[in-house]
N, C-alpha and C. Protein backbone atom coordinates (compact mmCIF):
# COMPACT_ATOMS: atom_id res chain seq x y z
N MET A 1 -37.46 -78.76 -7.94
CA MET A 1 -36.94 -77.96 -6.84
C MET A 1 -35.48 -77.60 -7.16
N THR A 2 -35.15 -76.34 -6.98
CA THR A 2 -33.80 -75.89 -7.28
C THR A 2 -32.86 -76.19 -6.11
N LYS A 3 -31.59 -76.11 -6.37
CA LYS A 3 -30.59 -76.32 -5.32
C LYS A 3 -30.78 -75.26 -4.22
N MET A 4 -31.10 -74.03 -4.63
CA MET A 4 -31.31 -72.97 -3.65
C MET A 4 -32.51 -73.31 -2.76
N GLN A 5 -33.56 -73.83 -3.34
CA GLN A 5 -34.73 -74.20 -2.55
C GLN A 5 -34.40 -75.34 -1.58
N GLU A 6 -33.58 -76.27 -2.01
CA GLU A 6 -33.16 -77.35 -1.13
C GLU A 6 -32.40 -76.80 0.08
N GLU A 7 -31.50 -75.86 -0.17
CA GLU A 7 -30.73 -75.26 0.91
C GLU A 7 -31.62 -74.44 1.85
N LEU A 8 -32.56 -73.68 1.27
CA LEU A 8 -33.49 -72.91 2.09
C LEU A 8 -34.37 -73.83 2.93
N GLY A 9 -34.78 -74.94 2.35
CA GLY A 9 -35.59 -75.90 3.10
C GLY A 9 -34.82 -76.50 4.26
N LEU A 10 -33.56 -76.80 4.04
CA LEU A 10 -32.73 -77.33 5.12
C LEU A 10 -32.55 -76.29 6.23
N ALA A 11 -32.31 -75.04 5.85
CA ALA A 11 -32.17 -73.97 6.85
C ALA A 11 -33.46 -73.83 7.65
N PHE A 12 -34.60 -73.93 6.98
CA PHE A 12 -35.90 -73.83 7.65
C PHE A 12 -36.05 -74.96 8.66
N LYS A 13 -35.71 -76.17 8.25
CA LYS A 13 -35.82 -77.32 9.16
C LYS A 13 -34.90 -77.17 10.37
N LEU A 14 -33.68 -76.69 10.13
CA LEU A 14 -32.74 -76.52 11.24
C LEU A 14 -33.23 -75.45 12.21
N LEU A 15 -33.76 -74.35 11.67
CA LEU A 15 -34.30 -73.31 12.55
C LEU A 15 -35.47 -73.84 13.36
N SER A 16 -36.27 -74.70 12.76
CA SER A 16 -37.43 -75.26 13.45
C SER A 16 -37.03 -76.14 14.62
N ALA A 17 -35.81 -76.64 14.60
CA ALA A 17 -35.34 -77.52 15.67
C ALA A 17 -34.81 -76.75 16.88
N ILE A 18 -34.66 -75.42 16.74
CA ILE A 18 -34.13 -74.60 17.83
C ILE A 18 -35.28 -74.17 18.74
N PRO A 19 -35.24 -74.54 20.01
CA PRO A 19 -36.31 -74.11 20.91
C PRO A 19 -36.18 -72.61 21.21
N VAL A 20 -37.29 -71.92 21.16
CA VAL A 20 -37.30 -70.48 21.46
C VAL A 20 -38.42 -70.17 22.44
N SER A 21 -38.25 -69.08 23.17
CA SER A 21 -39.28 -68.63 24.10
C SER A 21 -39.18 -67.12 24.25
N GLY A 22 -40.19 -66.55 24.80
CA GLY A 22 -40.20 -65.12 25.04
C GLY A 22 -40.12 -64.31 23.76
N GLU A 23 -39.29 -63.30 23.77
CA GLU A 23 -39.15 -62.42 22.60
C GLU A 23 -38.55 -63.14 21.41
N GLY A 24 -37.84 -64.21 21.65
CA GLY A 24 -37.23 -64.97 20.56
C GLY A 24 -38.25 -65.59 19.62
N VAL A 25 -39.47 -65.81 20.12
CA VAL A 25 -40.52 -66.41 19.29
C VAL A 25 -40.82 -65.50 18.10
N GLU A 26 -40.96 -64.22 18.33
CA GLU A 26 -41.25 -63.28 17.25
C GLU A 26 -40.10 -63.18 16.26
N VAL A 27 -38.89 -63.20 16.75
CA VAL A 27 -37.72 -63.13 15.88
C VAL A 27 -37.64 -64.39 15.01
N MET A 28 -37.88 -65.54 15.62
CA MET A 28 -37.84 -66.80 14.86
C MET A 28 -38.95 -66.82 13.82
N ALA A 29 -40.13 -66.35 14.18
CA ALA A 29 -41.24 -66.32 13.22
C ALA A 29 -40.90 -65.43 12.03
N ALA A 30 -40.27 -64.30 12.28
CA ALA A 30 -39.88 -63.40 11.20
C ALA A 30 -38.83 -64.05 10.31
N ALA A 31 -37.86 -64.73 10.90
CA ALA A 31 -36.82 -65.41 10.12
C ALA A 31 -37.44 -66.49 9.23
N ARG A 32 -38.37 -67.24 9.79
CA ARG A 32 -39.02 -68.30 9.01
C ARG A 32 -39.84 -67.71 7.86
N GLU A 33 -40.50 -66.60 8.10
CA GLU A 33 -41.28 -65.95 7.05
C GLU A 33 -40.38 -65.49 5.91
N HIS A 34 -39.22 -64.96 6.24
CA HIS A 34 -38.27 -64.52 5.21
C HIS A 34 -37.75 -65.72 4.42
N LEU A 35 -37.53 -66.84 5.08
CA LEU A 35 -37.11 -68.04 4.36
C LEU A 35 -38.21 -68.52 3.41
N ARG A 36 -39.46 -68.47 3.84
CA ARG A 36 -40.56 -68.85 2.95
C ARG A 36 -40.60 -67.96 1.72
N THR A 37 -40.42 -66.66 1.93
CA THR A 37 -40.42 -65.72 0.81
C THR A 37 -39.27 -66.02 -0.14
N ALA A 38 -38.09 -66.28 0.39
CA ALA A 38 -36.94 -66.59 -0.44
C ALA A 38 -37.18 -67.87 -1.23
N PHE A 39 -37.83 -68.86 -0.62
CA PHE A 39 -38.14 -70.11 -1.30
C PHE A 39 -39.05 -69.85 -2.50
N LYS A 40 -40.07 -69.02 -2.30
CA LYS A 40 -40.99 -68.68 -3.39
C LYS A 40 -40.28 -67.90 -4.49
N LEU A 41 -39.40 -66.98 -4.12
CA LEU A 41 -38.65 -66.21 -5.11
C LEU A 41 -37.73 -67.11 -5.93
N ALA A 42 -37.14 -68.10 -5.29
CA ALA A 42 -36.26 -69.04 -6.00
C ALA A 42 -37.06 -69.81 -7.05
N GLU A 43 -38.29 -70.16 -6.75
CA GLU A 43 -39.15 -70.87 -7.71
C GLU A 43 -39.48 -69.95 -8.89
N THR A 44 -39.80 -68.70 -8.59
CA THR A 44 -40.13 -67.73 -9.64
C THR A 44 -38.95 -67.54 -10.57
N GLU A 45 -37.74 -67.43 -10.03
CA GLU A 45 -36.55 -67.27 -10.86
C GLU A 45 -36.32 -68.49 -11.74
N LYS A 46 -36.56 -69.68 -11.22
CA LYS A 46 -36.40 -70.90 -12.01
C LYS A 46 -37.40 -70.90 -13.16
N GLU A 47 -38.65 -70.50 -12.90
CA GLU A 47 -39.66 -70.47 -13.95
C GLU A 47 -39.27 -69.47 -15.03
N ASP A 48 -38.70 -68.32 -14.62
CA ASP A 48 -38.26 -67.31 -15.59
C ASP A 48 -37.15 -67.87 -16.47
N GLU A 49 -36.22 -68.60 -15.87
CA GLU A 49 -35.12 -69.19 -16.65
C GLU A 49 -35.65 -70.25 -17.63
N ASP A 50 -36.61 -71.03 -17.16
CA ASP A 50 -37.18 -72.08 -18.01
C ASP A 50 -37.95 -71.50 -19.19
N ASN A 51 -38.57 -70.34 -18.97
CA ASN A 51 -39.37 -69.71 -20.03
C ASN A 51 -38.56 -68.80 -20.93
N GLY A 52 -37.38 -68.41 -20.50
CA GLY A 52 -36.63 -67.43 -21.27
C GLY A 52 -35.45 -68.00 -21.89
């Protein structure tokens, strides 16, 4: 796991601790999805560095 992934994971956990309701639920879901994507991209970049 890269340092970036560790930081993204921490941000994800902190966001998960924030209670949301109403329209905020959709916004929070979108933010979490973007964090998941960034986490996957960070892994891909690490694999590229390891292979190149």
